[in-house]
């Protein structure tokens, strides 16, 4: 599901890049309604980022109506 997730290398904040990458997968149908994301710690570890950054990205997607808690 998110095994091959890579963040774009640009100037935007990391949480925004993560949120955009997940949103792209939702739009492409790679993530479907009812799919569960891996635990936040697992996402953070896989990407080498802070858990707080993952939390902020997922919160952003919830605010946009793309994810449910």
PDB file of N, CA and C in Angstrom:
ATOM      1  N   UNK A   1       0.835  -1.198   0.000  1.00  0.00           N
ATOM      2  CA  UNK A   1       0.000   0.000   0.000  1.00  0.00           C
ATOM      3  C   UNK A   1       0.873   1.252   0.000  1.00  0.00           C
ATOM      4  N   UNK A   2       1.682   1.416   1.042  1.00  0.00           N
ATOM      5  CA  UNK A   2       2.581   2.574   1.087  1.00  0.00           C
ATOM      6  C   UNK A   2       4.044   2.132   1.070  1.00  0.00           C
ATOM      7  N   UNK A   3       4.279   0.852   0.751  1.00  0.00           N
ATOM      8  CA  UNK A   3       5.632   0.314   0.795  1.00  0.00           C
ATOM      9  C   UNK A   3       6.602   1.086  -0.092  1.00  0.00           C
ATOM     10  N   UNK A   4       6.161   1.475  -1.250  1.00  0.00           N
ATOM     11  CA  UNK A   4       7.052   2.153  -2.192  1.00  0.00           C
ATOM     12  C   UNK A   4       6.855   3.670  -2.206  1.00  0.00           C
ATOM     13  N   UNK A   5       6.261   4.193  -1.151  1.00  0.00           N
ATOM     14  CA  UNK A   5       6.003   5.636  -1.071  1.00  0.00           C
ATOM     15  C   UNK A   5       7.318   6.402  -0.958  1.00  0.00           C
ATOM     16  N   UNK A   6       7.479   7.373  -1.808  1.00  0.00           N
ATOM     17  CA  UNK A   6       8.648   8.259  -1.779  1.00  0.00           C
ATOM     18  C   UNK A   6       8.145   9.687  -1.820  1.00  0.00           C
ATOM     19  N   UNK A   7       8.782  10.535  -1.028  1.00  0.00           N
ATOM     20  CA  UNK A   7       8.383  11.936  -0.991  1.00  0.00           C
ATOM     21  C   UNK A   7       9.152  12.713  -2.047  1.00  0.00           C
ATOM     22  N   UNK A   8       8.461  13.608  -2.749  1.00  0.00           N
ATOM     23  CA  UNK A   8       9.162  14.440  -3.732  1.00  0.00           C
ATOM     24  C   UNK A   8      10.229  15.291  -3.049  1.00  0.00           C
ATOM     25  N   UNK A   9      11.290  15.543  -3.749  1.00  0.00           N
ATOM     26  CA  UNK A   9      12.383  16.349  -3.209  1.00  0.00           C
ATOM     27  C   UNK A   9      12.192  17.786  -3.670  1.00  0.00           C
ATOM     28  N   UNK A  10      11.417  18.544  -2.887  1.00  0.00           N
ATOM     29  CA  UNK A  10      11.208  19.948  -3.228  1.00  0.00           C
ATOM     30  C   UNK A  10      11.256  20.793  -1.961  1.00  0.00           C
ATOM     31  N   UNK A  11      10.899  22.039  -2.081  1.00  0.00           N
ATOM     32  CA  UNK A  11      11.040  22.987  -0.978  1.00  0.00           C
ATOM     33  C   UNK A  11       9.847  23.024  -0.020  1.00  0.00           C
ATOM     34  N   UNK A  12       8.772  22.319  -0.340  1.00  0.00           N
ATOM     35  CA  UNK A  12       7.594  22.368   0.528  1.00  0.00           C
ATOM     36  C   UNK A  12       7.855  21.583   1.814  1.00  0.00           C
ATOM     37  N   UNK A  13       7.103  21.886   2.879  1.00  0.00           N
ATOM     38  CA  UNK A  13       7.289  21.172   4.143  1.00  0.00           C
ATOM     39  C   UNK A  13       7.067  19.666   3.967  1.00  0.00           C
ATOM     40  N   UNK A  14       7.760  18.883   4.764  1.00  0.00           N
ATOM     41  CA  UNK A  14       7.686  17.428   4.653  1.00  0.00           C
ATOM     42  C   UNK A  14       6.258  16.933   4.866  1.00  0.00           C
ATOM     43  N   UNK A  15       5.534  17.504   5.837  1.00  0.00           N
ATOM     44  CA  UNK A  15       4.170  17.039   6.079  1.00  0.00           C
ATOM     45  C   UNK A  15       3.301  17.263   4.842  1.00  0.00           C
ATOM     46  N   UNK A  16       3.532  18.366   4.139  1.00  0.00           N
ATOM     47  CA  UNK A  16       2.756  18.684   2.938  1.00  0.00           C
ATOM     48  C   UNK A  16       3.089  17.699   1.809  1.00  0.00           C
ATOM     49  N   UNK A  17       4.377  17.379   1.676  1.00  0.00           N
ATOM     50  CA  UNK A  17       4.782  16.413   0.645  1.00  0.00           C
ATOM     51  C   UNK A  17       4.181  15.039   0.913  1.00  0.00           C
ATOM     52  N   UNK A  18       4.153  14.643   2.189  1.00  0.00           N
ATOM     53  CA  UNK A  18       3.550  13.356   2.546  1.00  0.00           C
ATOM     54  C   UNK A  18       2.050  13.376   2.280  1.00  0.00           C
ATOM     55  N   UNK A  19       1.382  14.435   2.699  1.00  0.00           N
ATOM     56  CA  UNK A  19      -0.061  14.552   2.459  1.00  0.00           C
ATOM     57  C   UNK A  19      -0.358  14.506   0.962  1.00  0.00           C
ATOM     58  N   UNK A  20       0.426  15.205   0.171  1.00  0.00           N
ATOM     59  CA  UNK A  20       0.221  15.214  -1.282  1.00  0.00           C
ATOM     60  C   UNK A  20       0.441  13.828  -1.885  1.00  0.00           C
ATOM     61  N   UNK A  21       1.465  13.122  -1.409  1.00  0.00           N
ATOM     62  CA  UNK A  21       1.759  11.785  -1.934  1.00  0.00           C
ATOM     63  C   UNK A  21       0.621  10.816  -1.624  1.00  0.00           C
ATOM     64  N   UNK A  22       0.069  10.902  -0.420  1.00  0.00           N
ATOM     65  CA  UNK A  22      -1.054  10.029  -0.060  1.00  0.00           C
ATOM     66  C   UNK A  22      -2.298  10.433  -0.838  1.00  0.00           C
ATOM     67  N   UNK A  23      -2.536  11.734  -0.981  1.00  0.00           N
ATOM     68  CA  UNK A  23      -3.696  12.212  -1.745  1.00  0.00           C
ATOM     69  C   UNK A  23      -3.624  11.738  -3.196  1.00  0.00           C
ATOM     70  N   UNK A  24      -2.434  11.717  -3.766  1.00  0.00           N
ATOM     71  CA  UNK A  24      -2.269  11.226  -5.139  1.00  0.00           C
ATOM     72  C   UNK A  24      -2.650   9.757  -5.243  1.00  0.00           C
ATOM     73  N   UNK A  25      -2.296   8.973  -4.231  1.00  0.00           N
ATOM     74  CA  UNK A  25      -2.657   7.547  -4.234  1.00  0.00           C
ATOM     75  C   UNK A  25      -4.159   7.356  -4.090  1.00  0.00           C
ATOM     76  N   UNK A  26      -4.785   8.212  -3.320  1.00  0.00           N
ATOM     77  CA  UNK A  26      -6.243   8.147  -3.190  1.00  0.00           C
ATOM     78  C   UNK A  26      -6.882   8.474  -4.533  1.00  0.00           C
ATOM     79  N   UNK A  27      -6.421   9.538  -5.169  1.00  0.00           N
ATOM     80  CA  UNK A  27      -6.975   9.954  -6.462  1.00  0.00           C
ATOM     81  C   UNK A  27      -6.765   8.892  -7.540  1.00  0.00           C
ATOM     82  N   UNK A  28      -5.637   8.199  -7.477  1.00  0.00           N
ATOM     83  CA  UNK A  28      -5.323   7.172  -8.475  1.00  0.00           C
ATOM     84  C   UNK A  28      -6.037   5.852  -8.200  1.00  0.00           C
ATOM     85  N   UNK A  29      -6.648   5.740  -7.016  1.00  0.00           N
ATOM     86  CA  UNK A  29      -7.342   4.502  -6.673  1.00  0.00           C
ATOM     87  C   UNK A  29      -6.452   3.459  -6.033  1.00  0.00           C
ATOM     88  N   UNK A  30      -5.189   3.798  -5.804  1.00  0.00           N
ATOM     89  CA  UNK A  30      -4.279   2.877  -5.130  1.00  0.00           C
ATOM     90  C   UNK A  30      -4.720   2.662  -3.689  1.00  0.00           C
ATOM     91  N   UNK A  31      -5.240   3.709  -3.074  1.00  0.00           N
ATOM     92  CA  UNK A  31      -5.864   3.619  -1.750  1.00  0.00           C
ATOM     93  C   UNK A  31      -7.360   3.784  -1.955  1.00  0.00           C
ATOM     94  N   UNK A  32      -8.108   2.793  -1.527  1.00  0.00           N
ATOM     95  CA  UNK A  32      -9.556   2.806  -1.743  1.00  0.00           C
ATOM     96  C   UNK A  32     -10.290   3.031  -0.429  1.00  0.00           C
ATOM     97  N   UNK A  33     -11.569   3.329  -0.540  1.00  0.00           N
ATOM     98  CA  UNK A  33     -12.416   3.482   0.642  1.00  0.00           C
ATOM     99  C   UNK A  33     -12.315   2.206   1.469  1.00  0.00           C
ATOM    100  N   UNK A  34     -12.073   2.369   2.755  1.00  0.00           N
ATOM    101  CA  UNK A  34     -11.987   1.226   3.656  1.00  0.00           C
ATOM    102  C   UNK A  34     -10.579   0.710   3.876  1.00  0.00           C
ATOM    103  N   UNK A  35      -9.636   1.111   3.030  1.00  0.00           N
ATOM    104  CA  UNK A  35      -8.246   0.707   3.234  1.00  0.00           C
ATOM    105  C   UNK A  35      -7.722   1.333   4.516  1.00  0.00           C
ATOM    106  N   UNK A  36      -6.908   0.569   5.221  1.00  0.00           N
ATOM    107  CA  UNK A  36      -6.288   1.081   6.438  1.00  0.00           C
ATOM    108  C   UNK A  36      -4.830   1.411   6.156  1.00  0.00           C
ATOM    109  N   UNK A  37      -4.417   2.554   6.643  1.00  0.00           N
ATOM    110  CA  UNK A  37      -3.014   2.935   6.516  1.00  0.00           C
ATOM    111  C   UNK A  37      -2.208   2.222   7.590  1.00  0.00           C
ATOM    112  N   UNK A  38      -0.916   2.035   7.356  1.00  0.00           N
ATOM    113  CA  UNK A  38      -0.057   1.476   8.403  1.00  0.00           C
ATOM    114  C   UNK A  38      -0.023   2.431   9.600  1.00  0.00           C
ATOM    115  N   UNK A  39       0.396   1.934  10.766  1.00  0.00           N
ATOM    116  CA  UNK A  39       0.528   2.818  11.931  1.00  0.00           C
ATOM    117  C   UNK A  39       1.458   3.999  11.624  1.00  0.00           C
ATOM    118  N   UNK A  40       1.190   5.108  12.280  1.00  0.00           N
ATOM    119  CA  UNK A  40       1.978   6.318  12.041  1.00  0.00           C
ATOM    120  C   UNK A  40       3.459   6.090  12.303  1.00  0.00           C
ATOM    121  N   UNK A  41       3.778   5.343  13.332  1.00  0.00           N
ATOM    122  CA  UNK A  41       5.193   5.081  13.633  1.00  0.00           C
ATOM    123  C   UNK A  41       5.862   4.301  12.513  1.00  0.00           C
ATOM    124  N   UNK A  42       5.121   3.373  11.922  1.00  0.00           N
ATOM    125  CA  UNK A  42       5.671   2.584  10.823  1.00  0.00           C
ATOM    126  C   UNK A  42       5.926   3.461   9.592  1.00  0.00           C
ATOM    127  N   UNK A  43       4.996   4.359   9.302  1.00  0.00           N
ATOM    128  CA  UNK A  43       5.177   5.284   8.177  1.00  0.00           C
ATOM    129  C   UNK A  43       6.398   6.166   8.433  1.00  0.00           C
ATOM    130  N   UNK A  44       6.487   6.701   9.651  1.00  0.00           N
ATOM    131  CA  UNK A  44       7.604   7.576  10.004  1.00  0.00           C
ATOM    132  C   UNK A  44       8.936   6.845   9.873  1.00  0.00           C
ATOM    133  N   UNK A  45       8.993   5.634  10.391  1.00  0.00           N
ATOM    134  CA  UNK A  45      10.226   4.850  10.332  1.00  0.00           C
ATOM    135  C   UNK A  45      10.615   4.559   8.879  1.00  0.00           C
ATOM    136  N   UNK A  46       9.650   4.170   8.066  1.00  0.00           N
ATOM    137  CA  UNK A  46       9.929   3.822   6.667  1.00  0.00           C
ATOM    138  C   UNK A  46      10.453   5.010   5.871  1.00  0.00           C
ATOM    139  N   UNK A  47       9.972   6.209   6.207  1.00  0.00           N
ATOM    140  CA  UNK A  47      10.366   7.408   5.462  1.00  0.00           C
ATOM    141  C   UNK A  47      11.498   8.185   6.127  1.00  0.00           C
ATOM    142  N   UNK A  48      11.858   7.782   7.352  1.00  0.00           N
ATOM    143  CA  UNK A  48      12.914   8.483   8.068  1.00  0.00           C
ATOM    144  C   UNK A  48      12.502   9.873   8.515  1.00  0.00           C
ATOM    145  N   UNK A  49      11.223  10.001   8.904  1.00  0.00           N
ATOM    146  CA  UNK A  49      10.710  11.293   9.364  1.00  0.00           C
ATOM    147  C   UNK A  49      10.115  11.135  10.757  1.00  0.00           C
ATOM    148  N   UNK A  50       9.783  12.242  11.384  1.00  0.00           N
ATOM    149  CA  UNK A  50       9.231  12.263  12.727  1.00  0.00           C
ATOM    150  C   UNK A  50       7.760  11.854  12.717  1.00  0.00           C
ATOM    151  N   UNK A  51       7.331  11.171  13.775  1.00  0.00           N
ATOM    152  CA  UNK A  51       5.926  10.762  13.901  1.00  0.00           C
ATOM    153  C   UNK A  51       5.012  11.984  13.896  1.00  0.00           C
ATOM    154  N   UNK A  52       5.451  13.076  14.482  1.00  0.00           N
ATOM    155  CA  UNK A  52       4.649  14.297  14.504  1.00  0.00           C
ATOM    156  C   UNK A  52       4.387  14.805  13.086  1.00  0.00           C
ATOM    157  N   UNK A  53       5.350  14.635  12.216  1.00  0.00           N
ATOM    158  CA  UNK A  53       5.187  15.043  10.817  1.00  0.00           C
ATOM    159  C   UNK A  53       4.114  14.198  10.144  1.00  0.00           C
ATOM    160  N   UNK A  54       4.123  12.898  10.411  1.00  0.00           N
ATOM    161  CA  UNK A  54       3.104  12.002   9.859  1.00  0.00           C
ATOM    162  C   UNK A  54       1.734  12.393  10.397  1.00  0.00           C
ATOM    163  N   UNK A  55       1.654  12.660  11.693  1.00  0.00           N
ATOM    164  CA  UNK A  55       0.389  13.063  12.311  1.00  0.00           C
ATOM    165  C   UNK A  55      -0.152  14.320  11.649  1.00  0.00           C
ATOM    166  N   UNK A  56       0.710  15.281  11.410  1.00  0.00           N
ATOM    167  CA  UNK A  56       0.270  16.534  10.781  1.00  0.00           C
ATOM    168  C   UNK A  56      -0.218  16.295   9.352  1.00  0.00           C
ATOM    169  N   UNK A  57       0.469  15.445   8.613  1.00  0.00           N
ATOM    170  CA  UNK A  57       0.057  15.134   7.239  1.00  0.00           C
ATOM    171  C   UNK A  57      -1.312  14.458   7.231  1.00  0.00           C
ATOM    172  N   UNK A  58      -1.512  13.494   8.122  1.00  0.00           N
ATOM    173  CA  UNK A  58      -2.790  12.783   8.174  1.00  0.00           C
ATOM    174  C   UNK A  58      -3.909  13.705   8.643  1.00  0.00           C
ATOM    175  N   UNK A  59      -3.614  14.601   9.564  1.00  0.00           N
ATOM    176  CA  UNK A  59      -4.612  15.585  10.010  1.00  0.00           C
ATOM    177  C   UNK A  59      -5.020  16.498   8.861  1.00  0.00           C
ATOM    178  N   UNK A  60      -4.058  16.890   8.056  1.00  0.00           N
ATOM    179  CA  UNK A  60      -4.341  17.723   6.885  1.00  0.00           C
ATOM    180  C   UNK A  60      -5.292  16.997   5.939  1.00  0.00           C
ATOM    181  N   UNK A  61      -5.048  15.717   5.712  1.00  0.00           N
ATOM    182  CA  UNK A  61      -5.909  14.929   4.831  1.00  0.00           C
ATOM    183  C   UNK A  61      -7.304  14.740   5.426  1.00  0.00           C
ATOM    184  N   UNK A  62      -7.388  14.618   6.749  1.00  0.00           N
ATOM    185  CA  UNK A  62      -8.700  14.527   7.405  1.00  0.00           C
ATOM    186  C   UNK A  62      -9.474  15.823   7.226  1.00  0.00           C
ATOM    187  N   UNK A  63      -8.795  16.946   7.394  1.00  0.00           N
ATOM    188  CA  UNK A  63      -9.445  18.249   7.219  1.00  0.00           C
ATOM    189  C   UNK A  63      -9.955  18.428   5.791  1.00  0.00           C
ATOM    190  N   UNK A  64      -9.267  17.822   4.825  1.00  0.00           N
ATOM    191  CA  UNK A  64      -9.669  17.910   3.424  1.00  0.00           C
ATOM    192  C   UNK A  64     -10.755  16.889   3.080  1.00  0.00           C
ATOM    193  N   UNK A  65     -11.095  16.042   4.033  1.00  0.00           N
ATOM    194  CA  UNK A  65     -12.125  15.030   3.805  1.00  0.00           C
ATOM    195  C   UNK A  65     -11.639  13.809   3.051  1.00  0.00           C
ATOM    196  N   UNK A  66     -10.328  13.627   2.966  1.00  0.00           N
ATOM    197  CA  UNK A  66      -9.777  12.489   2.230  1.00  0.00           C
ATOM    198  C   UNK A  66      -9.553  11.260   3.103  1.00  0.00           C
ATOM    199  N   UNK A  67      -9.437  11.464   4.416  1.00  0.00           N
ATOM    200  CA  UNK A  67      -9.239  10.362   5.358  1.00  0.00           C
ATOM    201  C   UNK A  67     -10.221  10.490   6.503  1.00  0.00           C
ATOM    202  N   UNK A  68     -10.512   9.343   7.112  1.00  0.00           N
ATOM    203  CA  UNK A  68     -11.293   9.315   8.348  1.00  0.00           C
ATOM    204  C   UNK A  68     -10.429   8.689   9.425  1.00  0.00           C
ATOM    205  N   UNK A  69     -10.633   9.131  10.646  1.00  0.00           N
ATOM    206  CA  UNK A  69      -9.865   8.581  11.770  1.00  0.00           C
ATOM    207  C   UNK A  69     -10.312   7.177  12.089  1.00  0.00           C
TER     208      UNK A  69
END
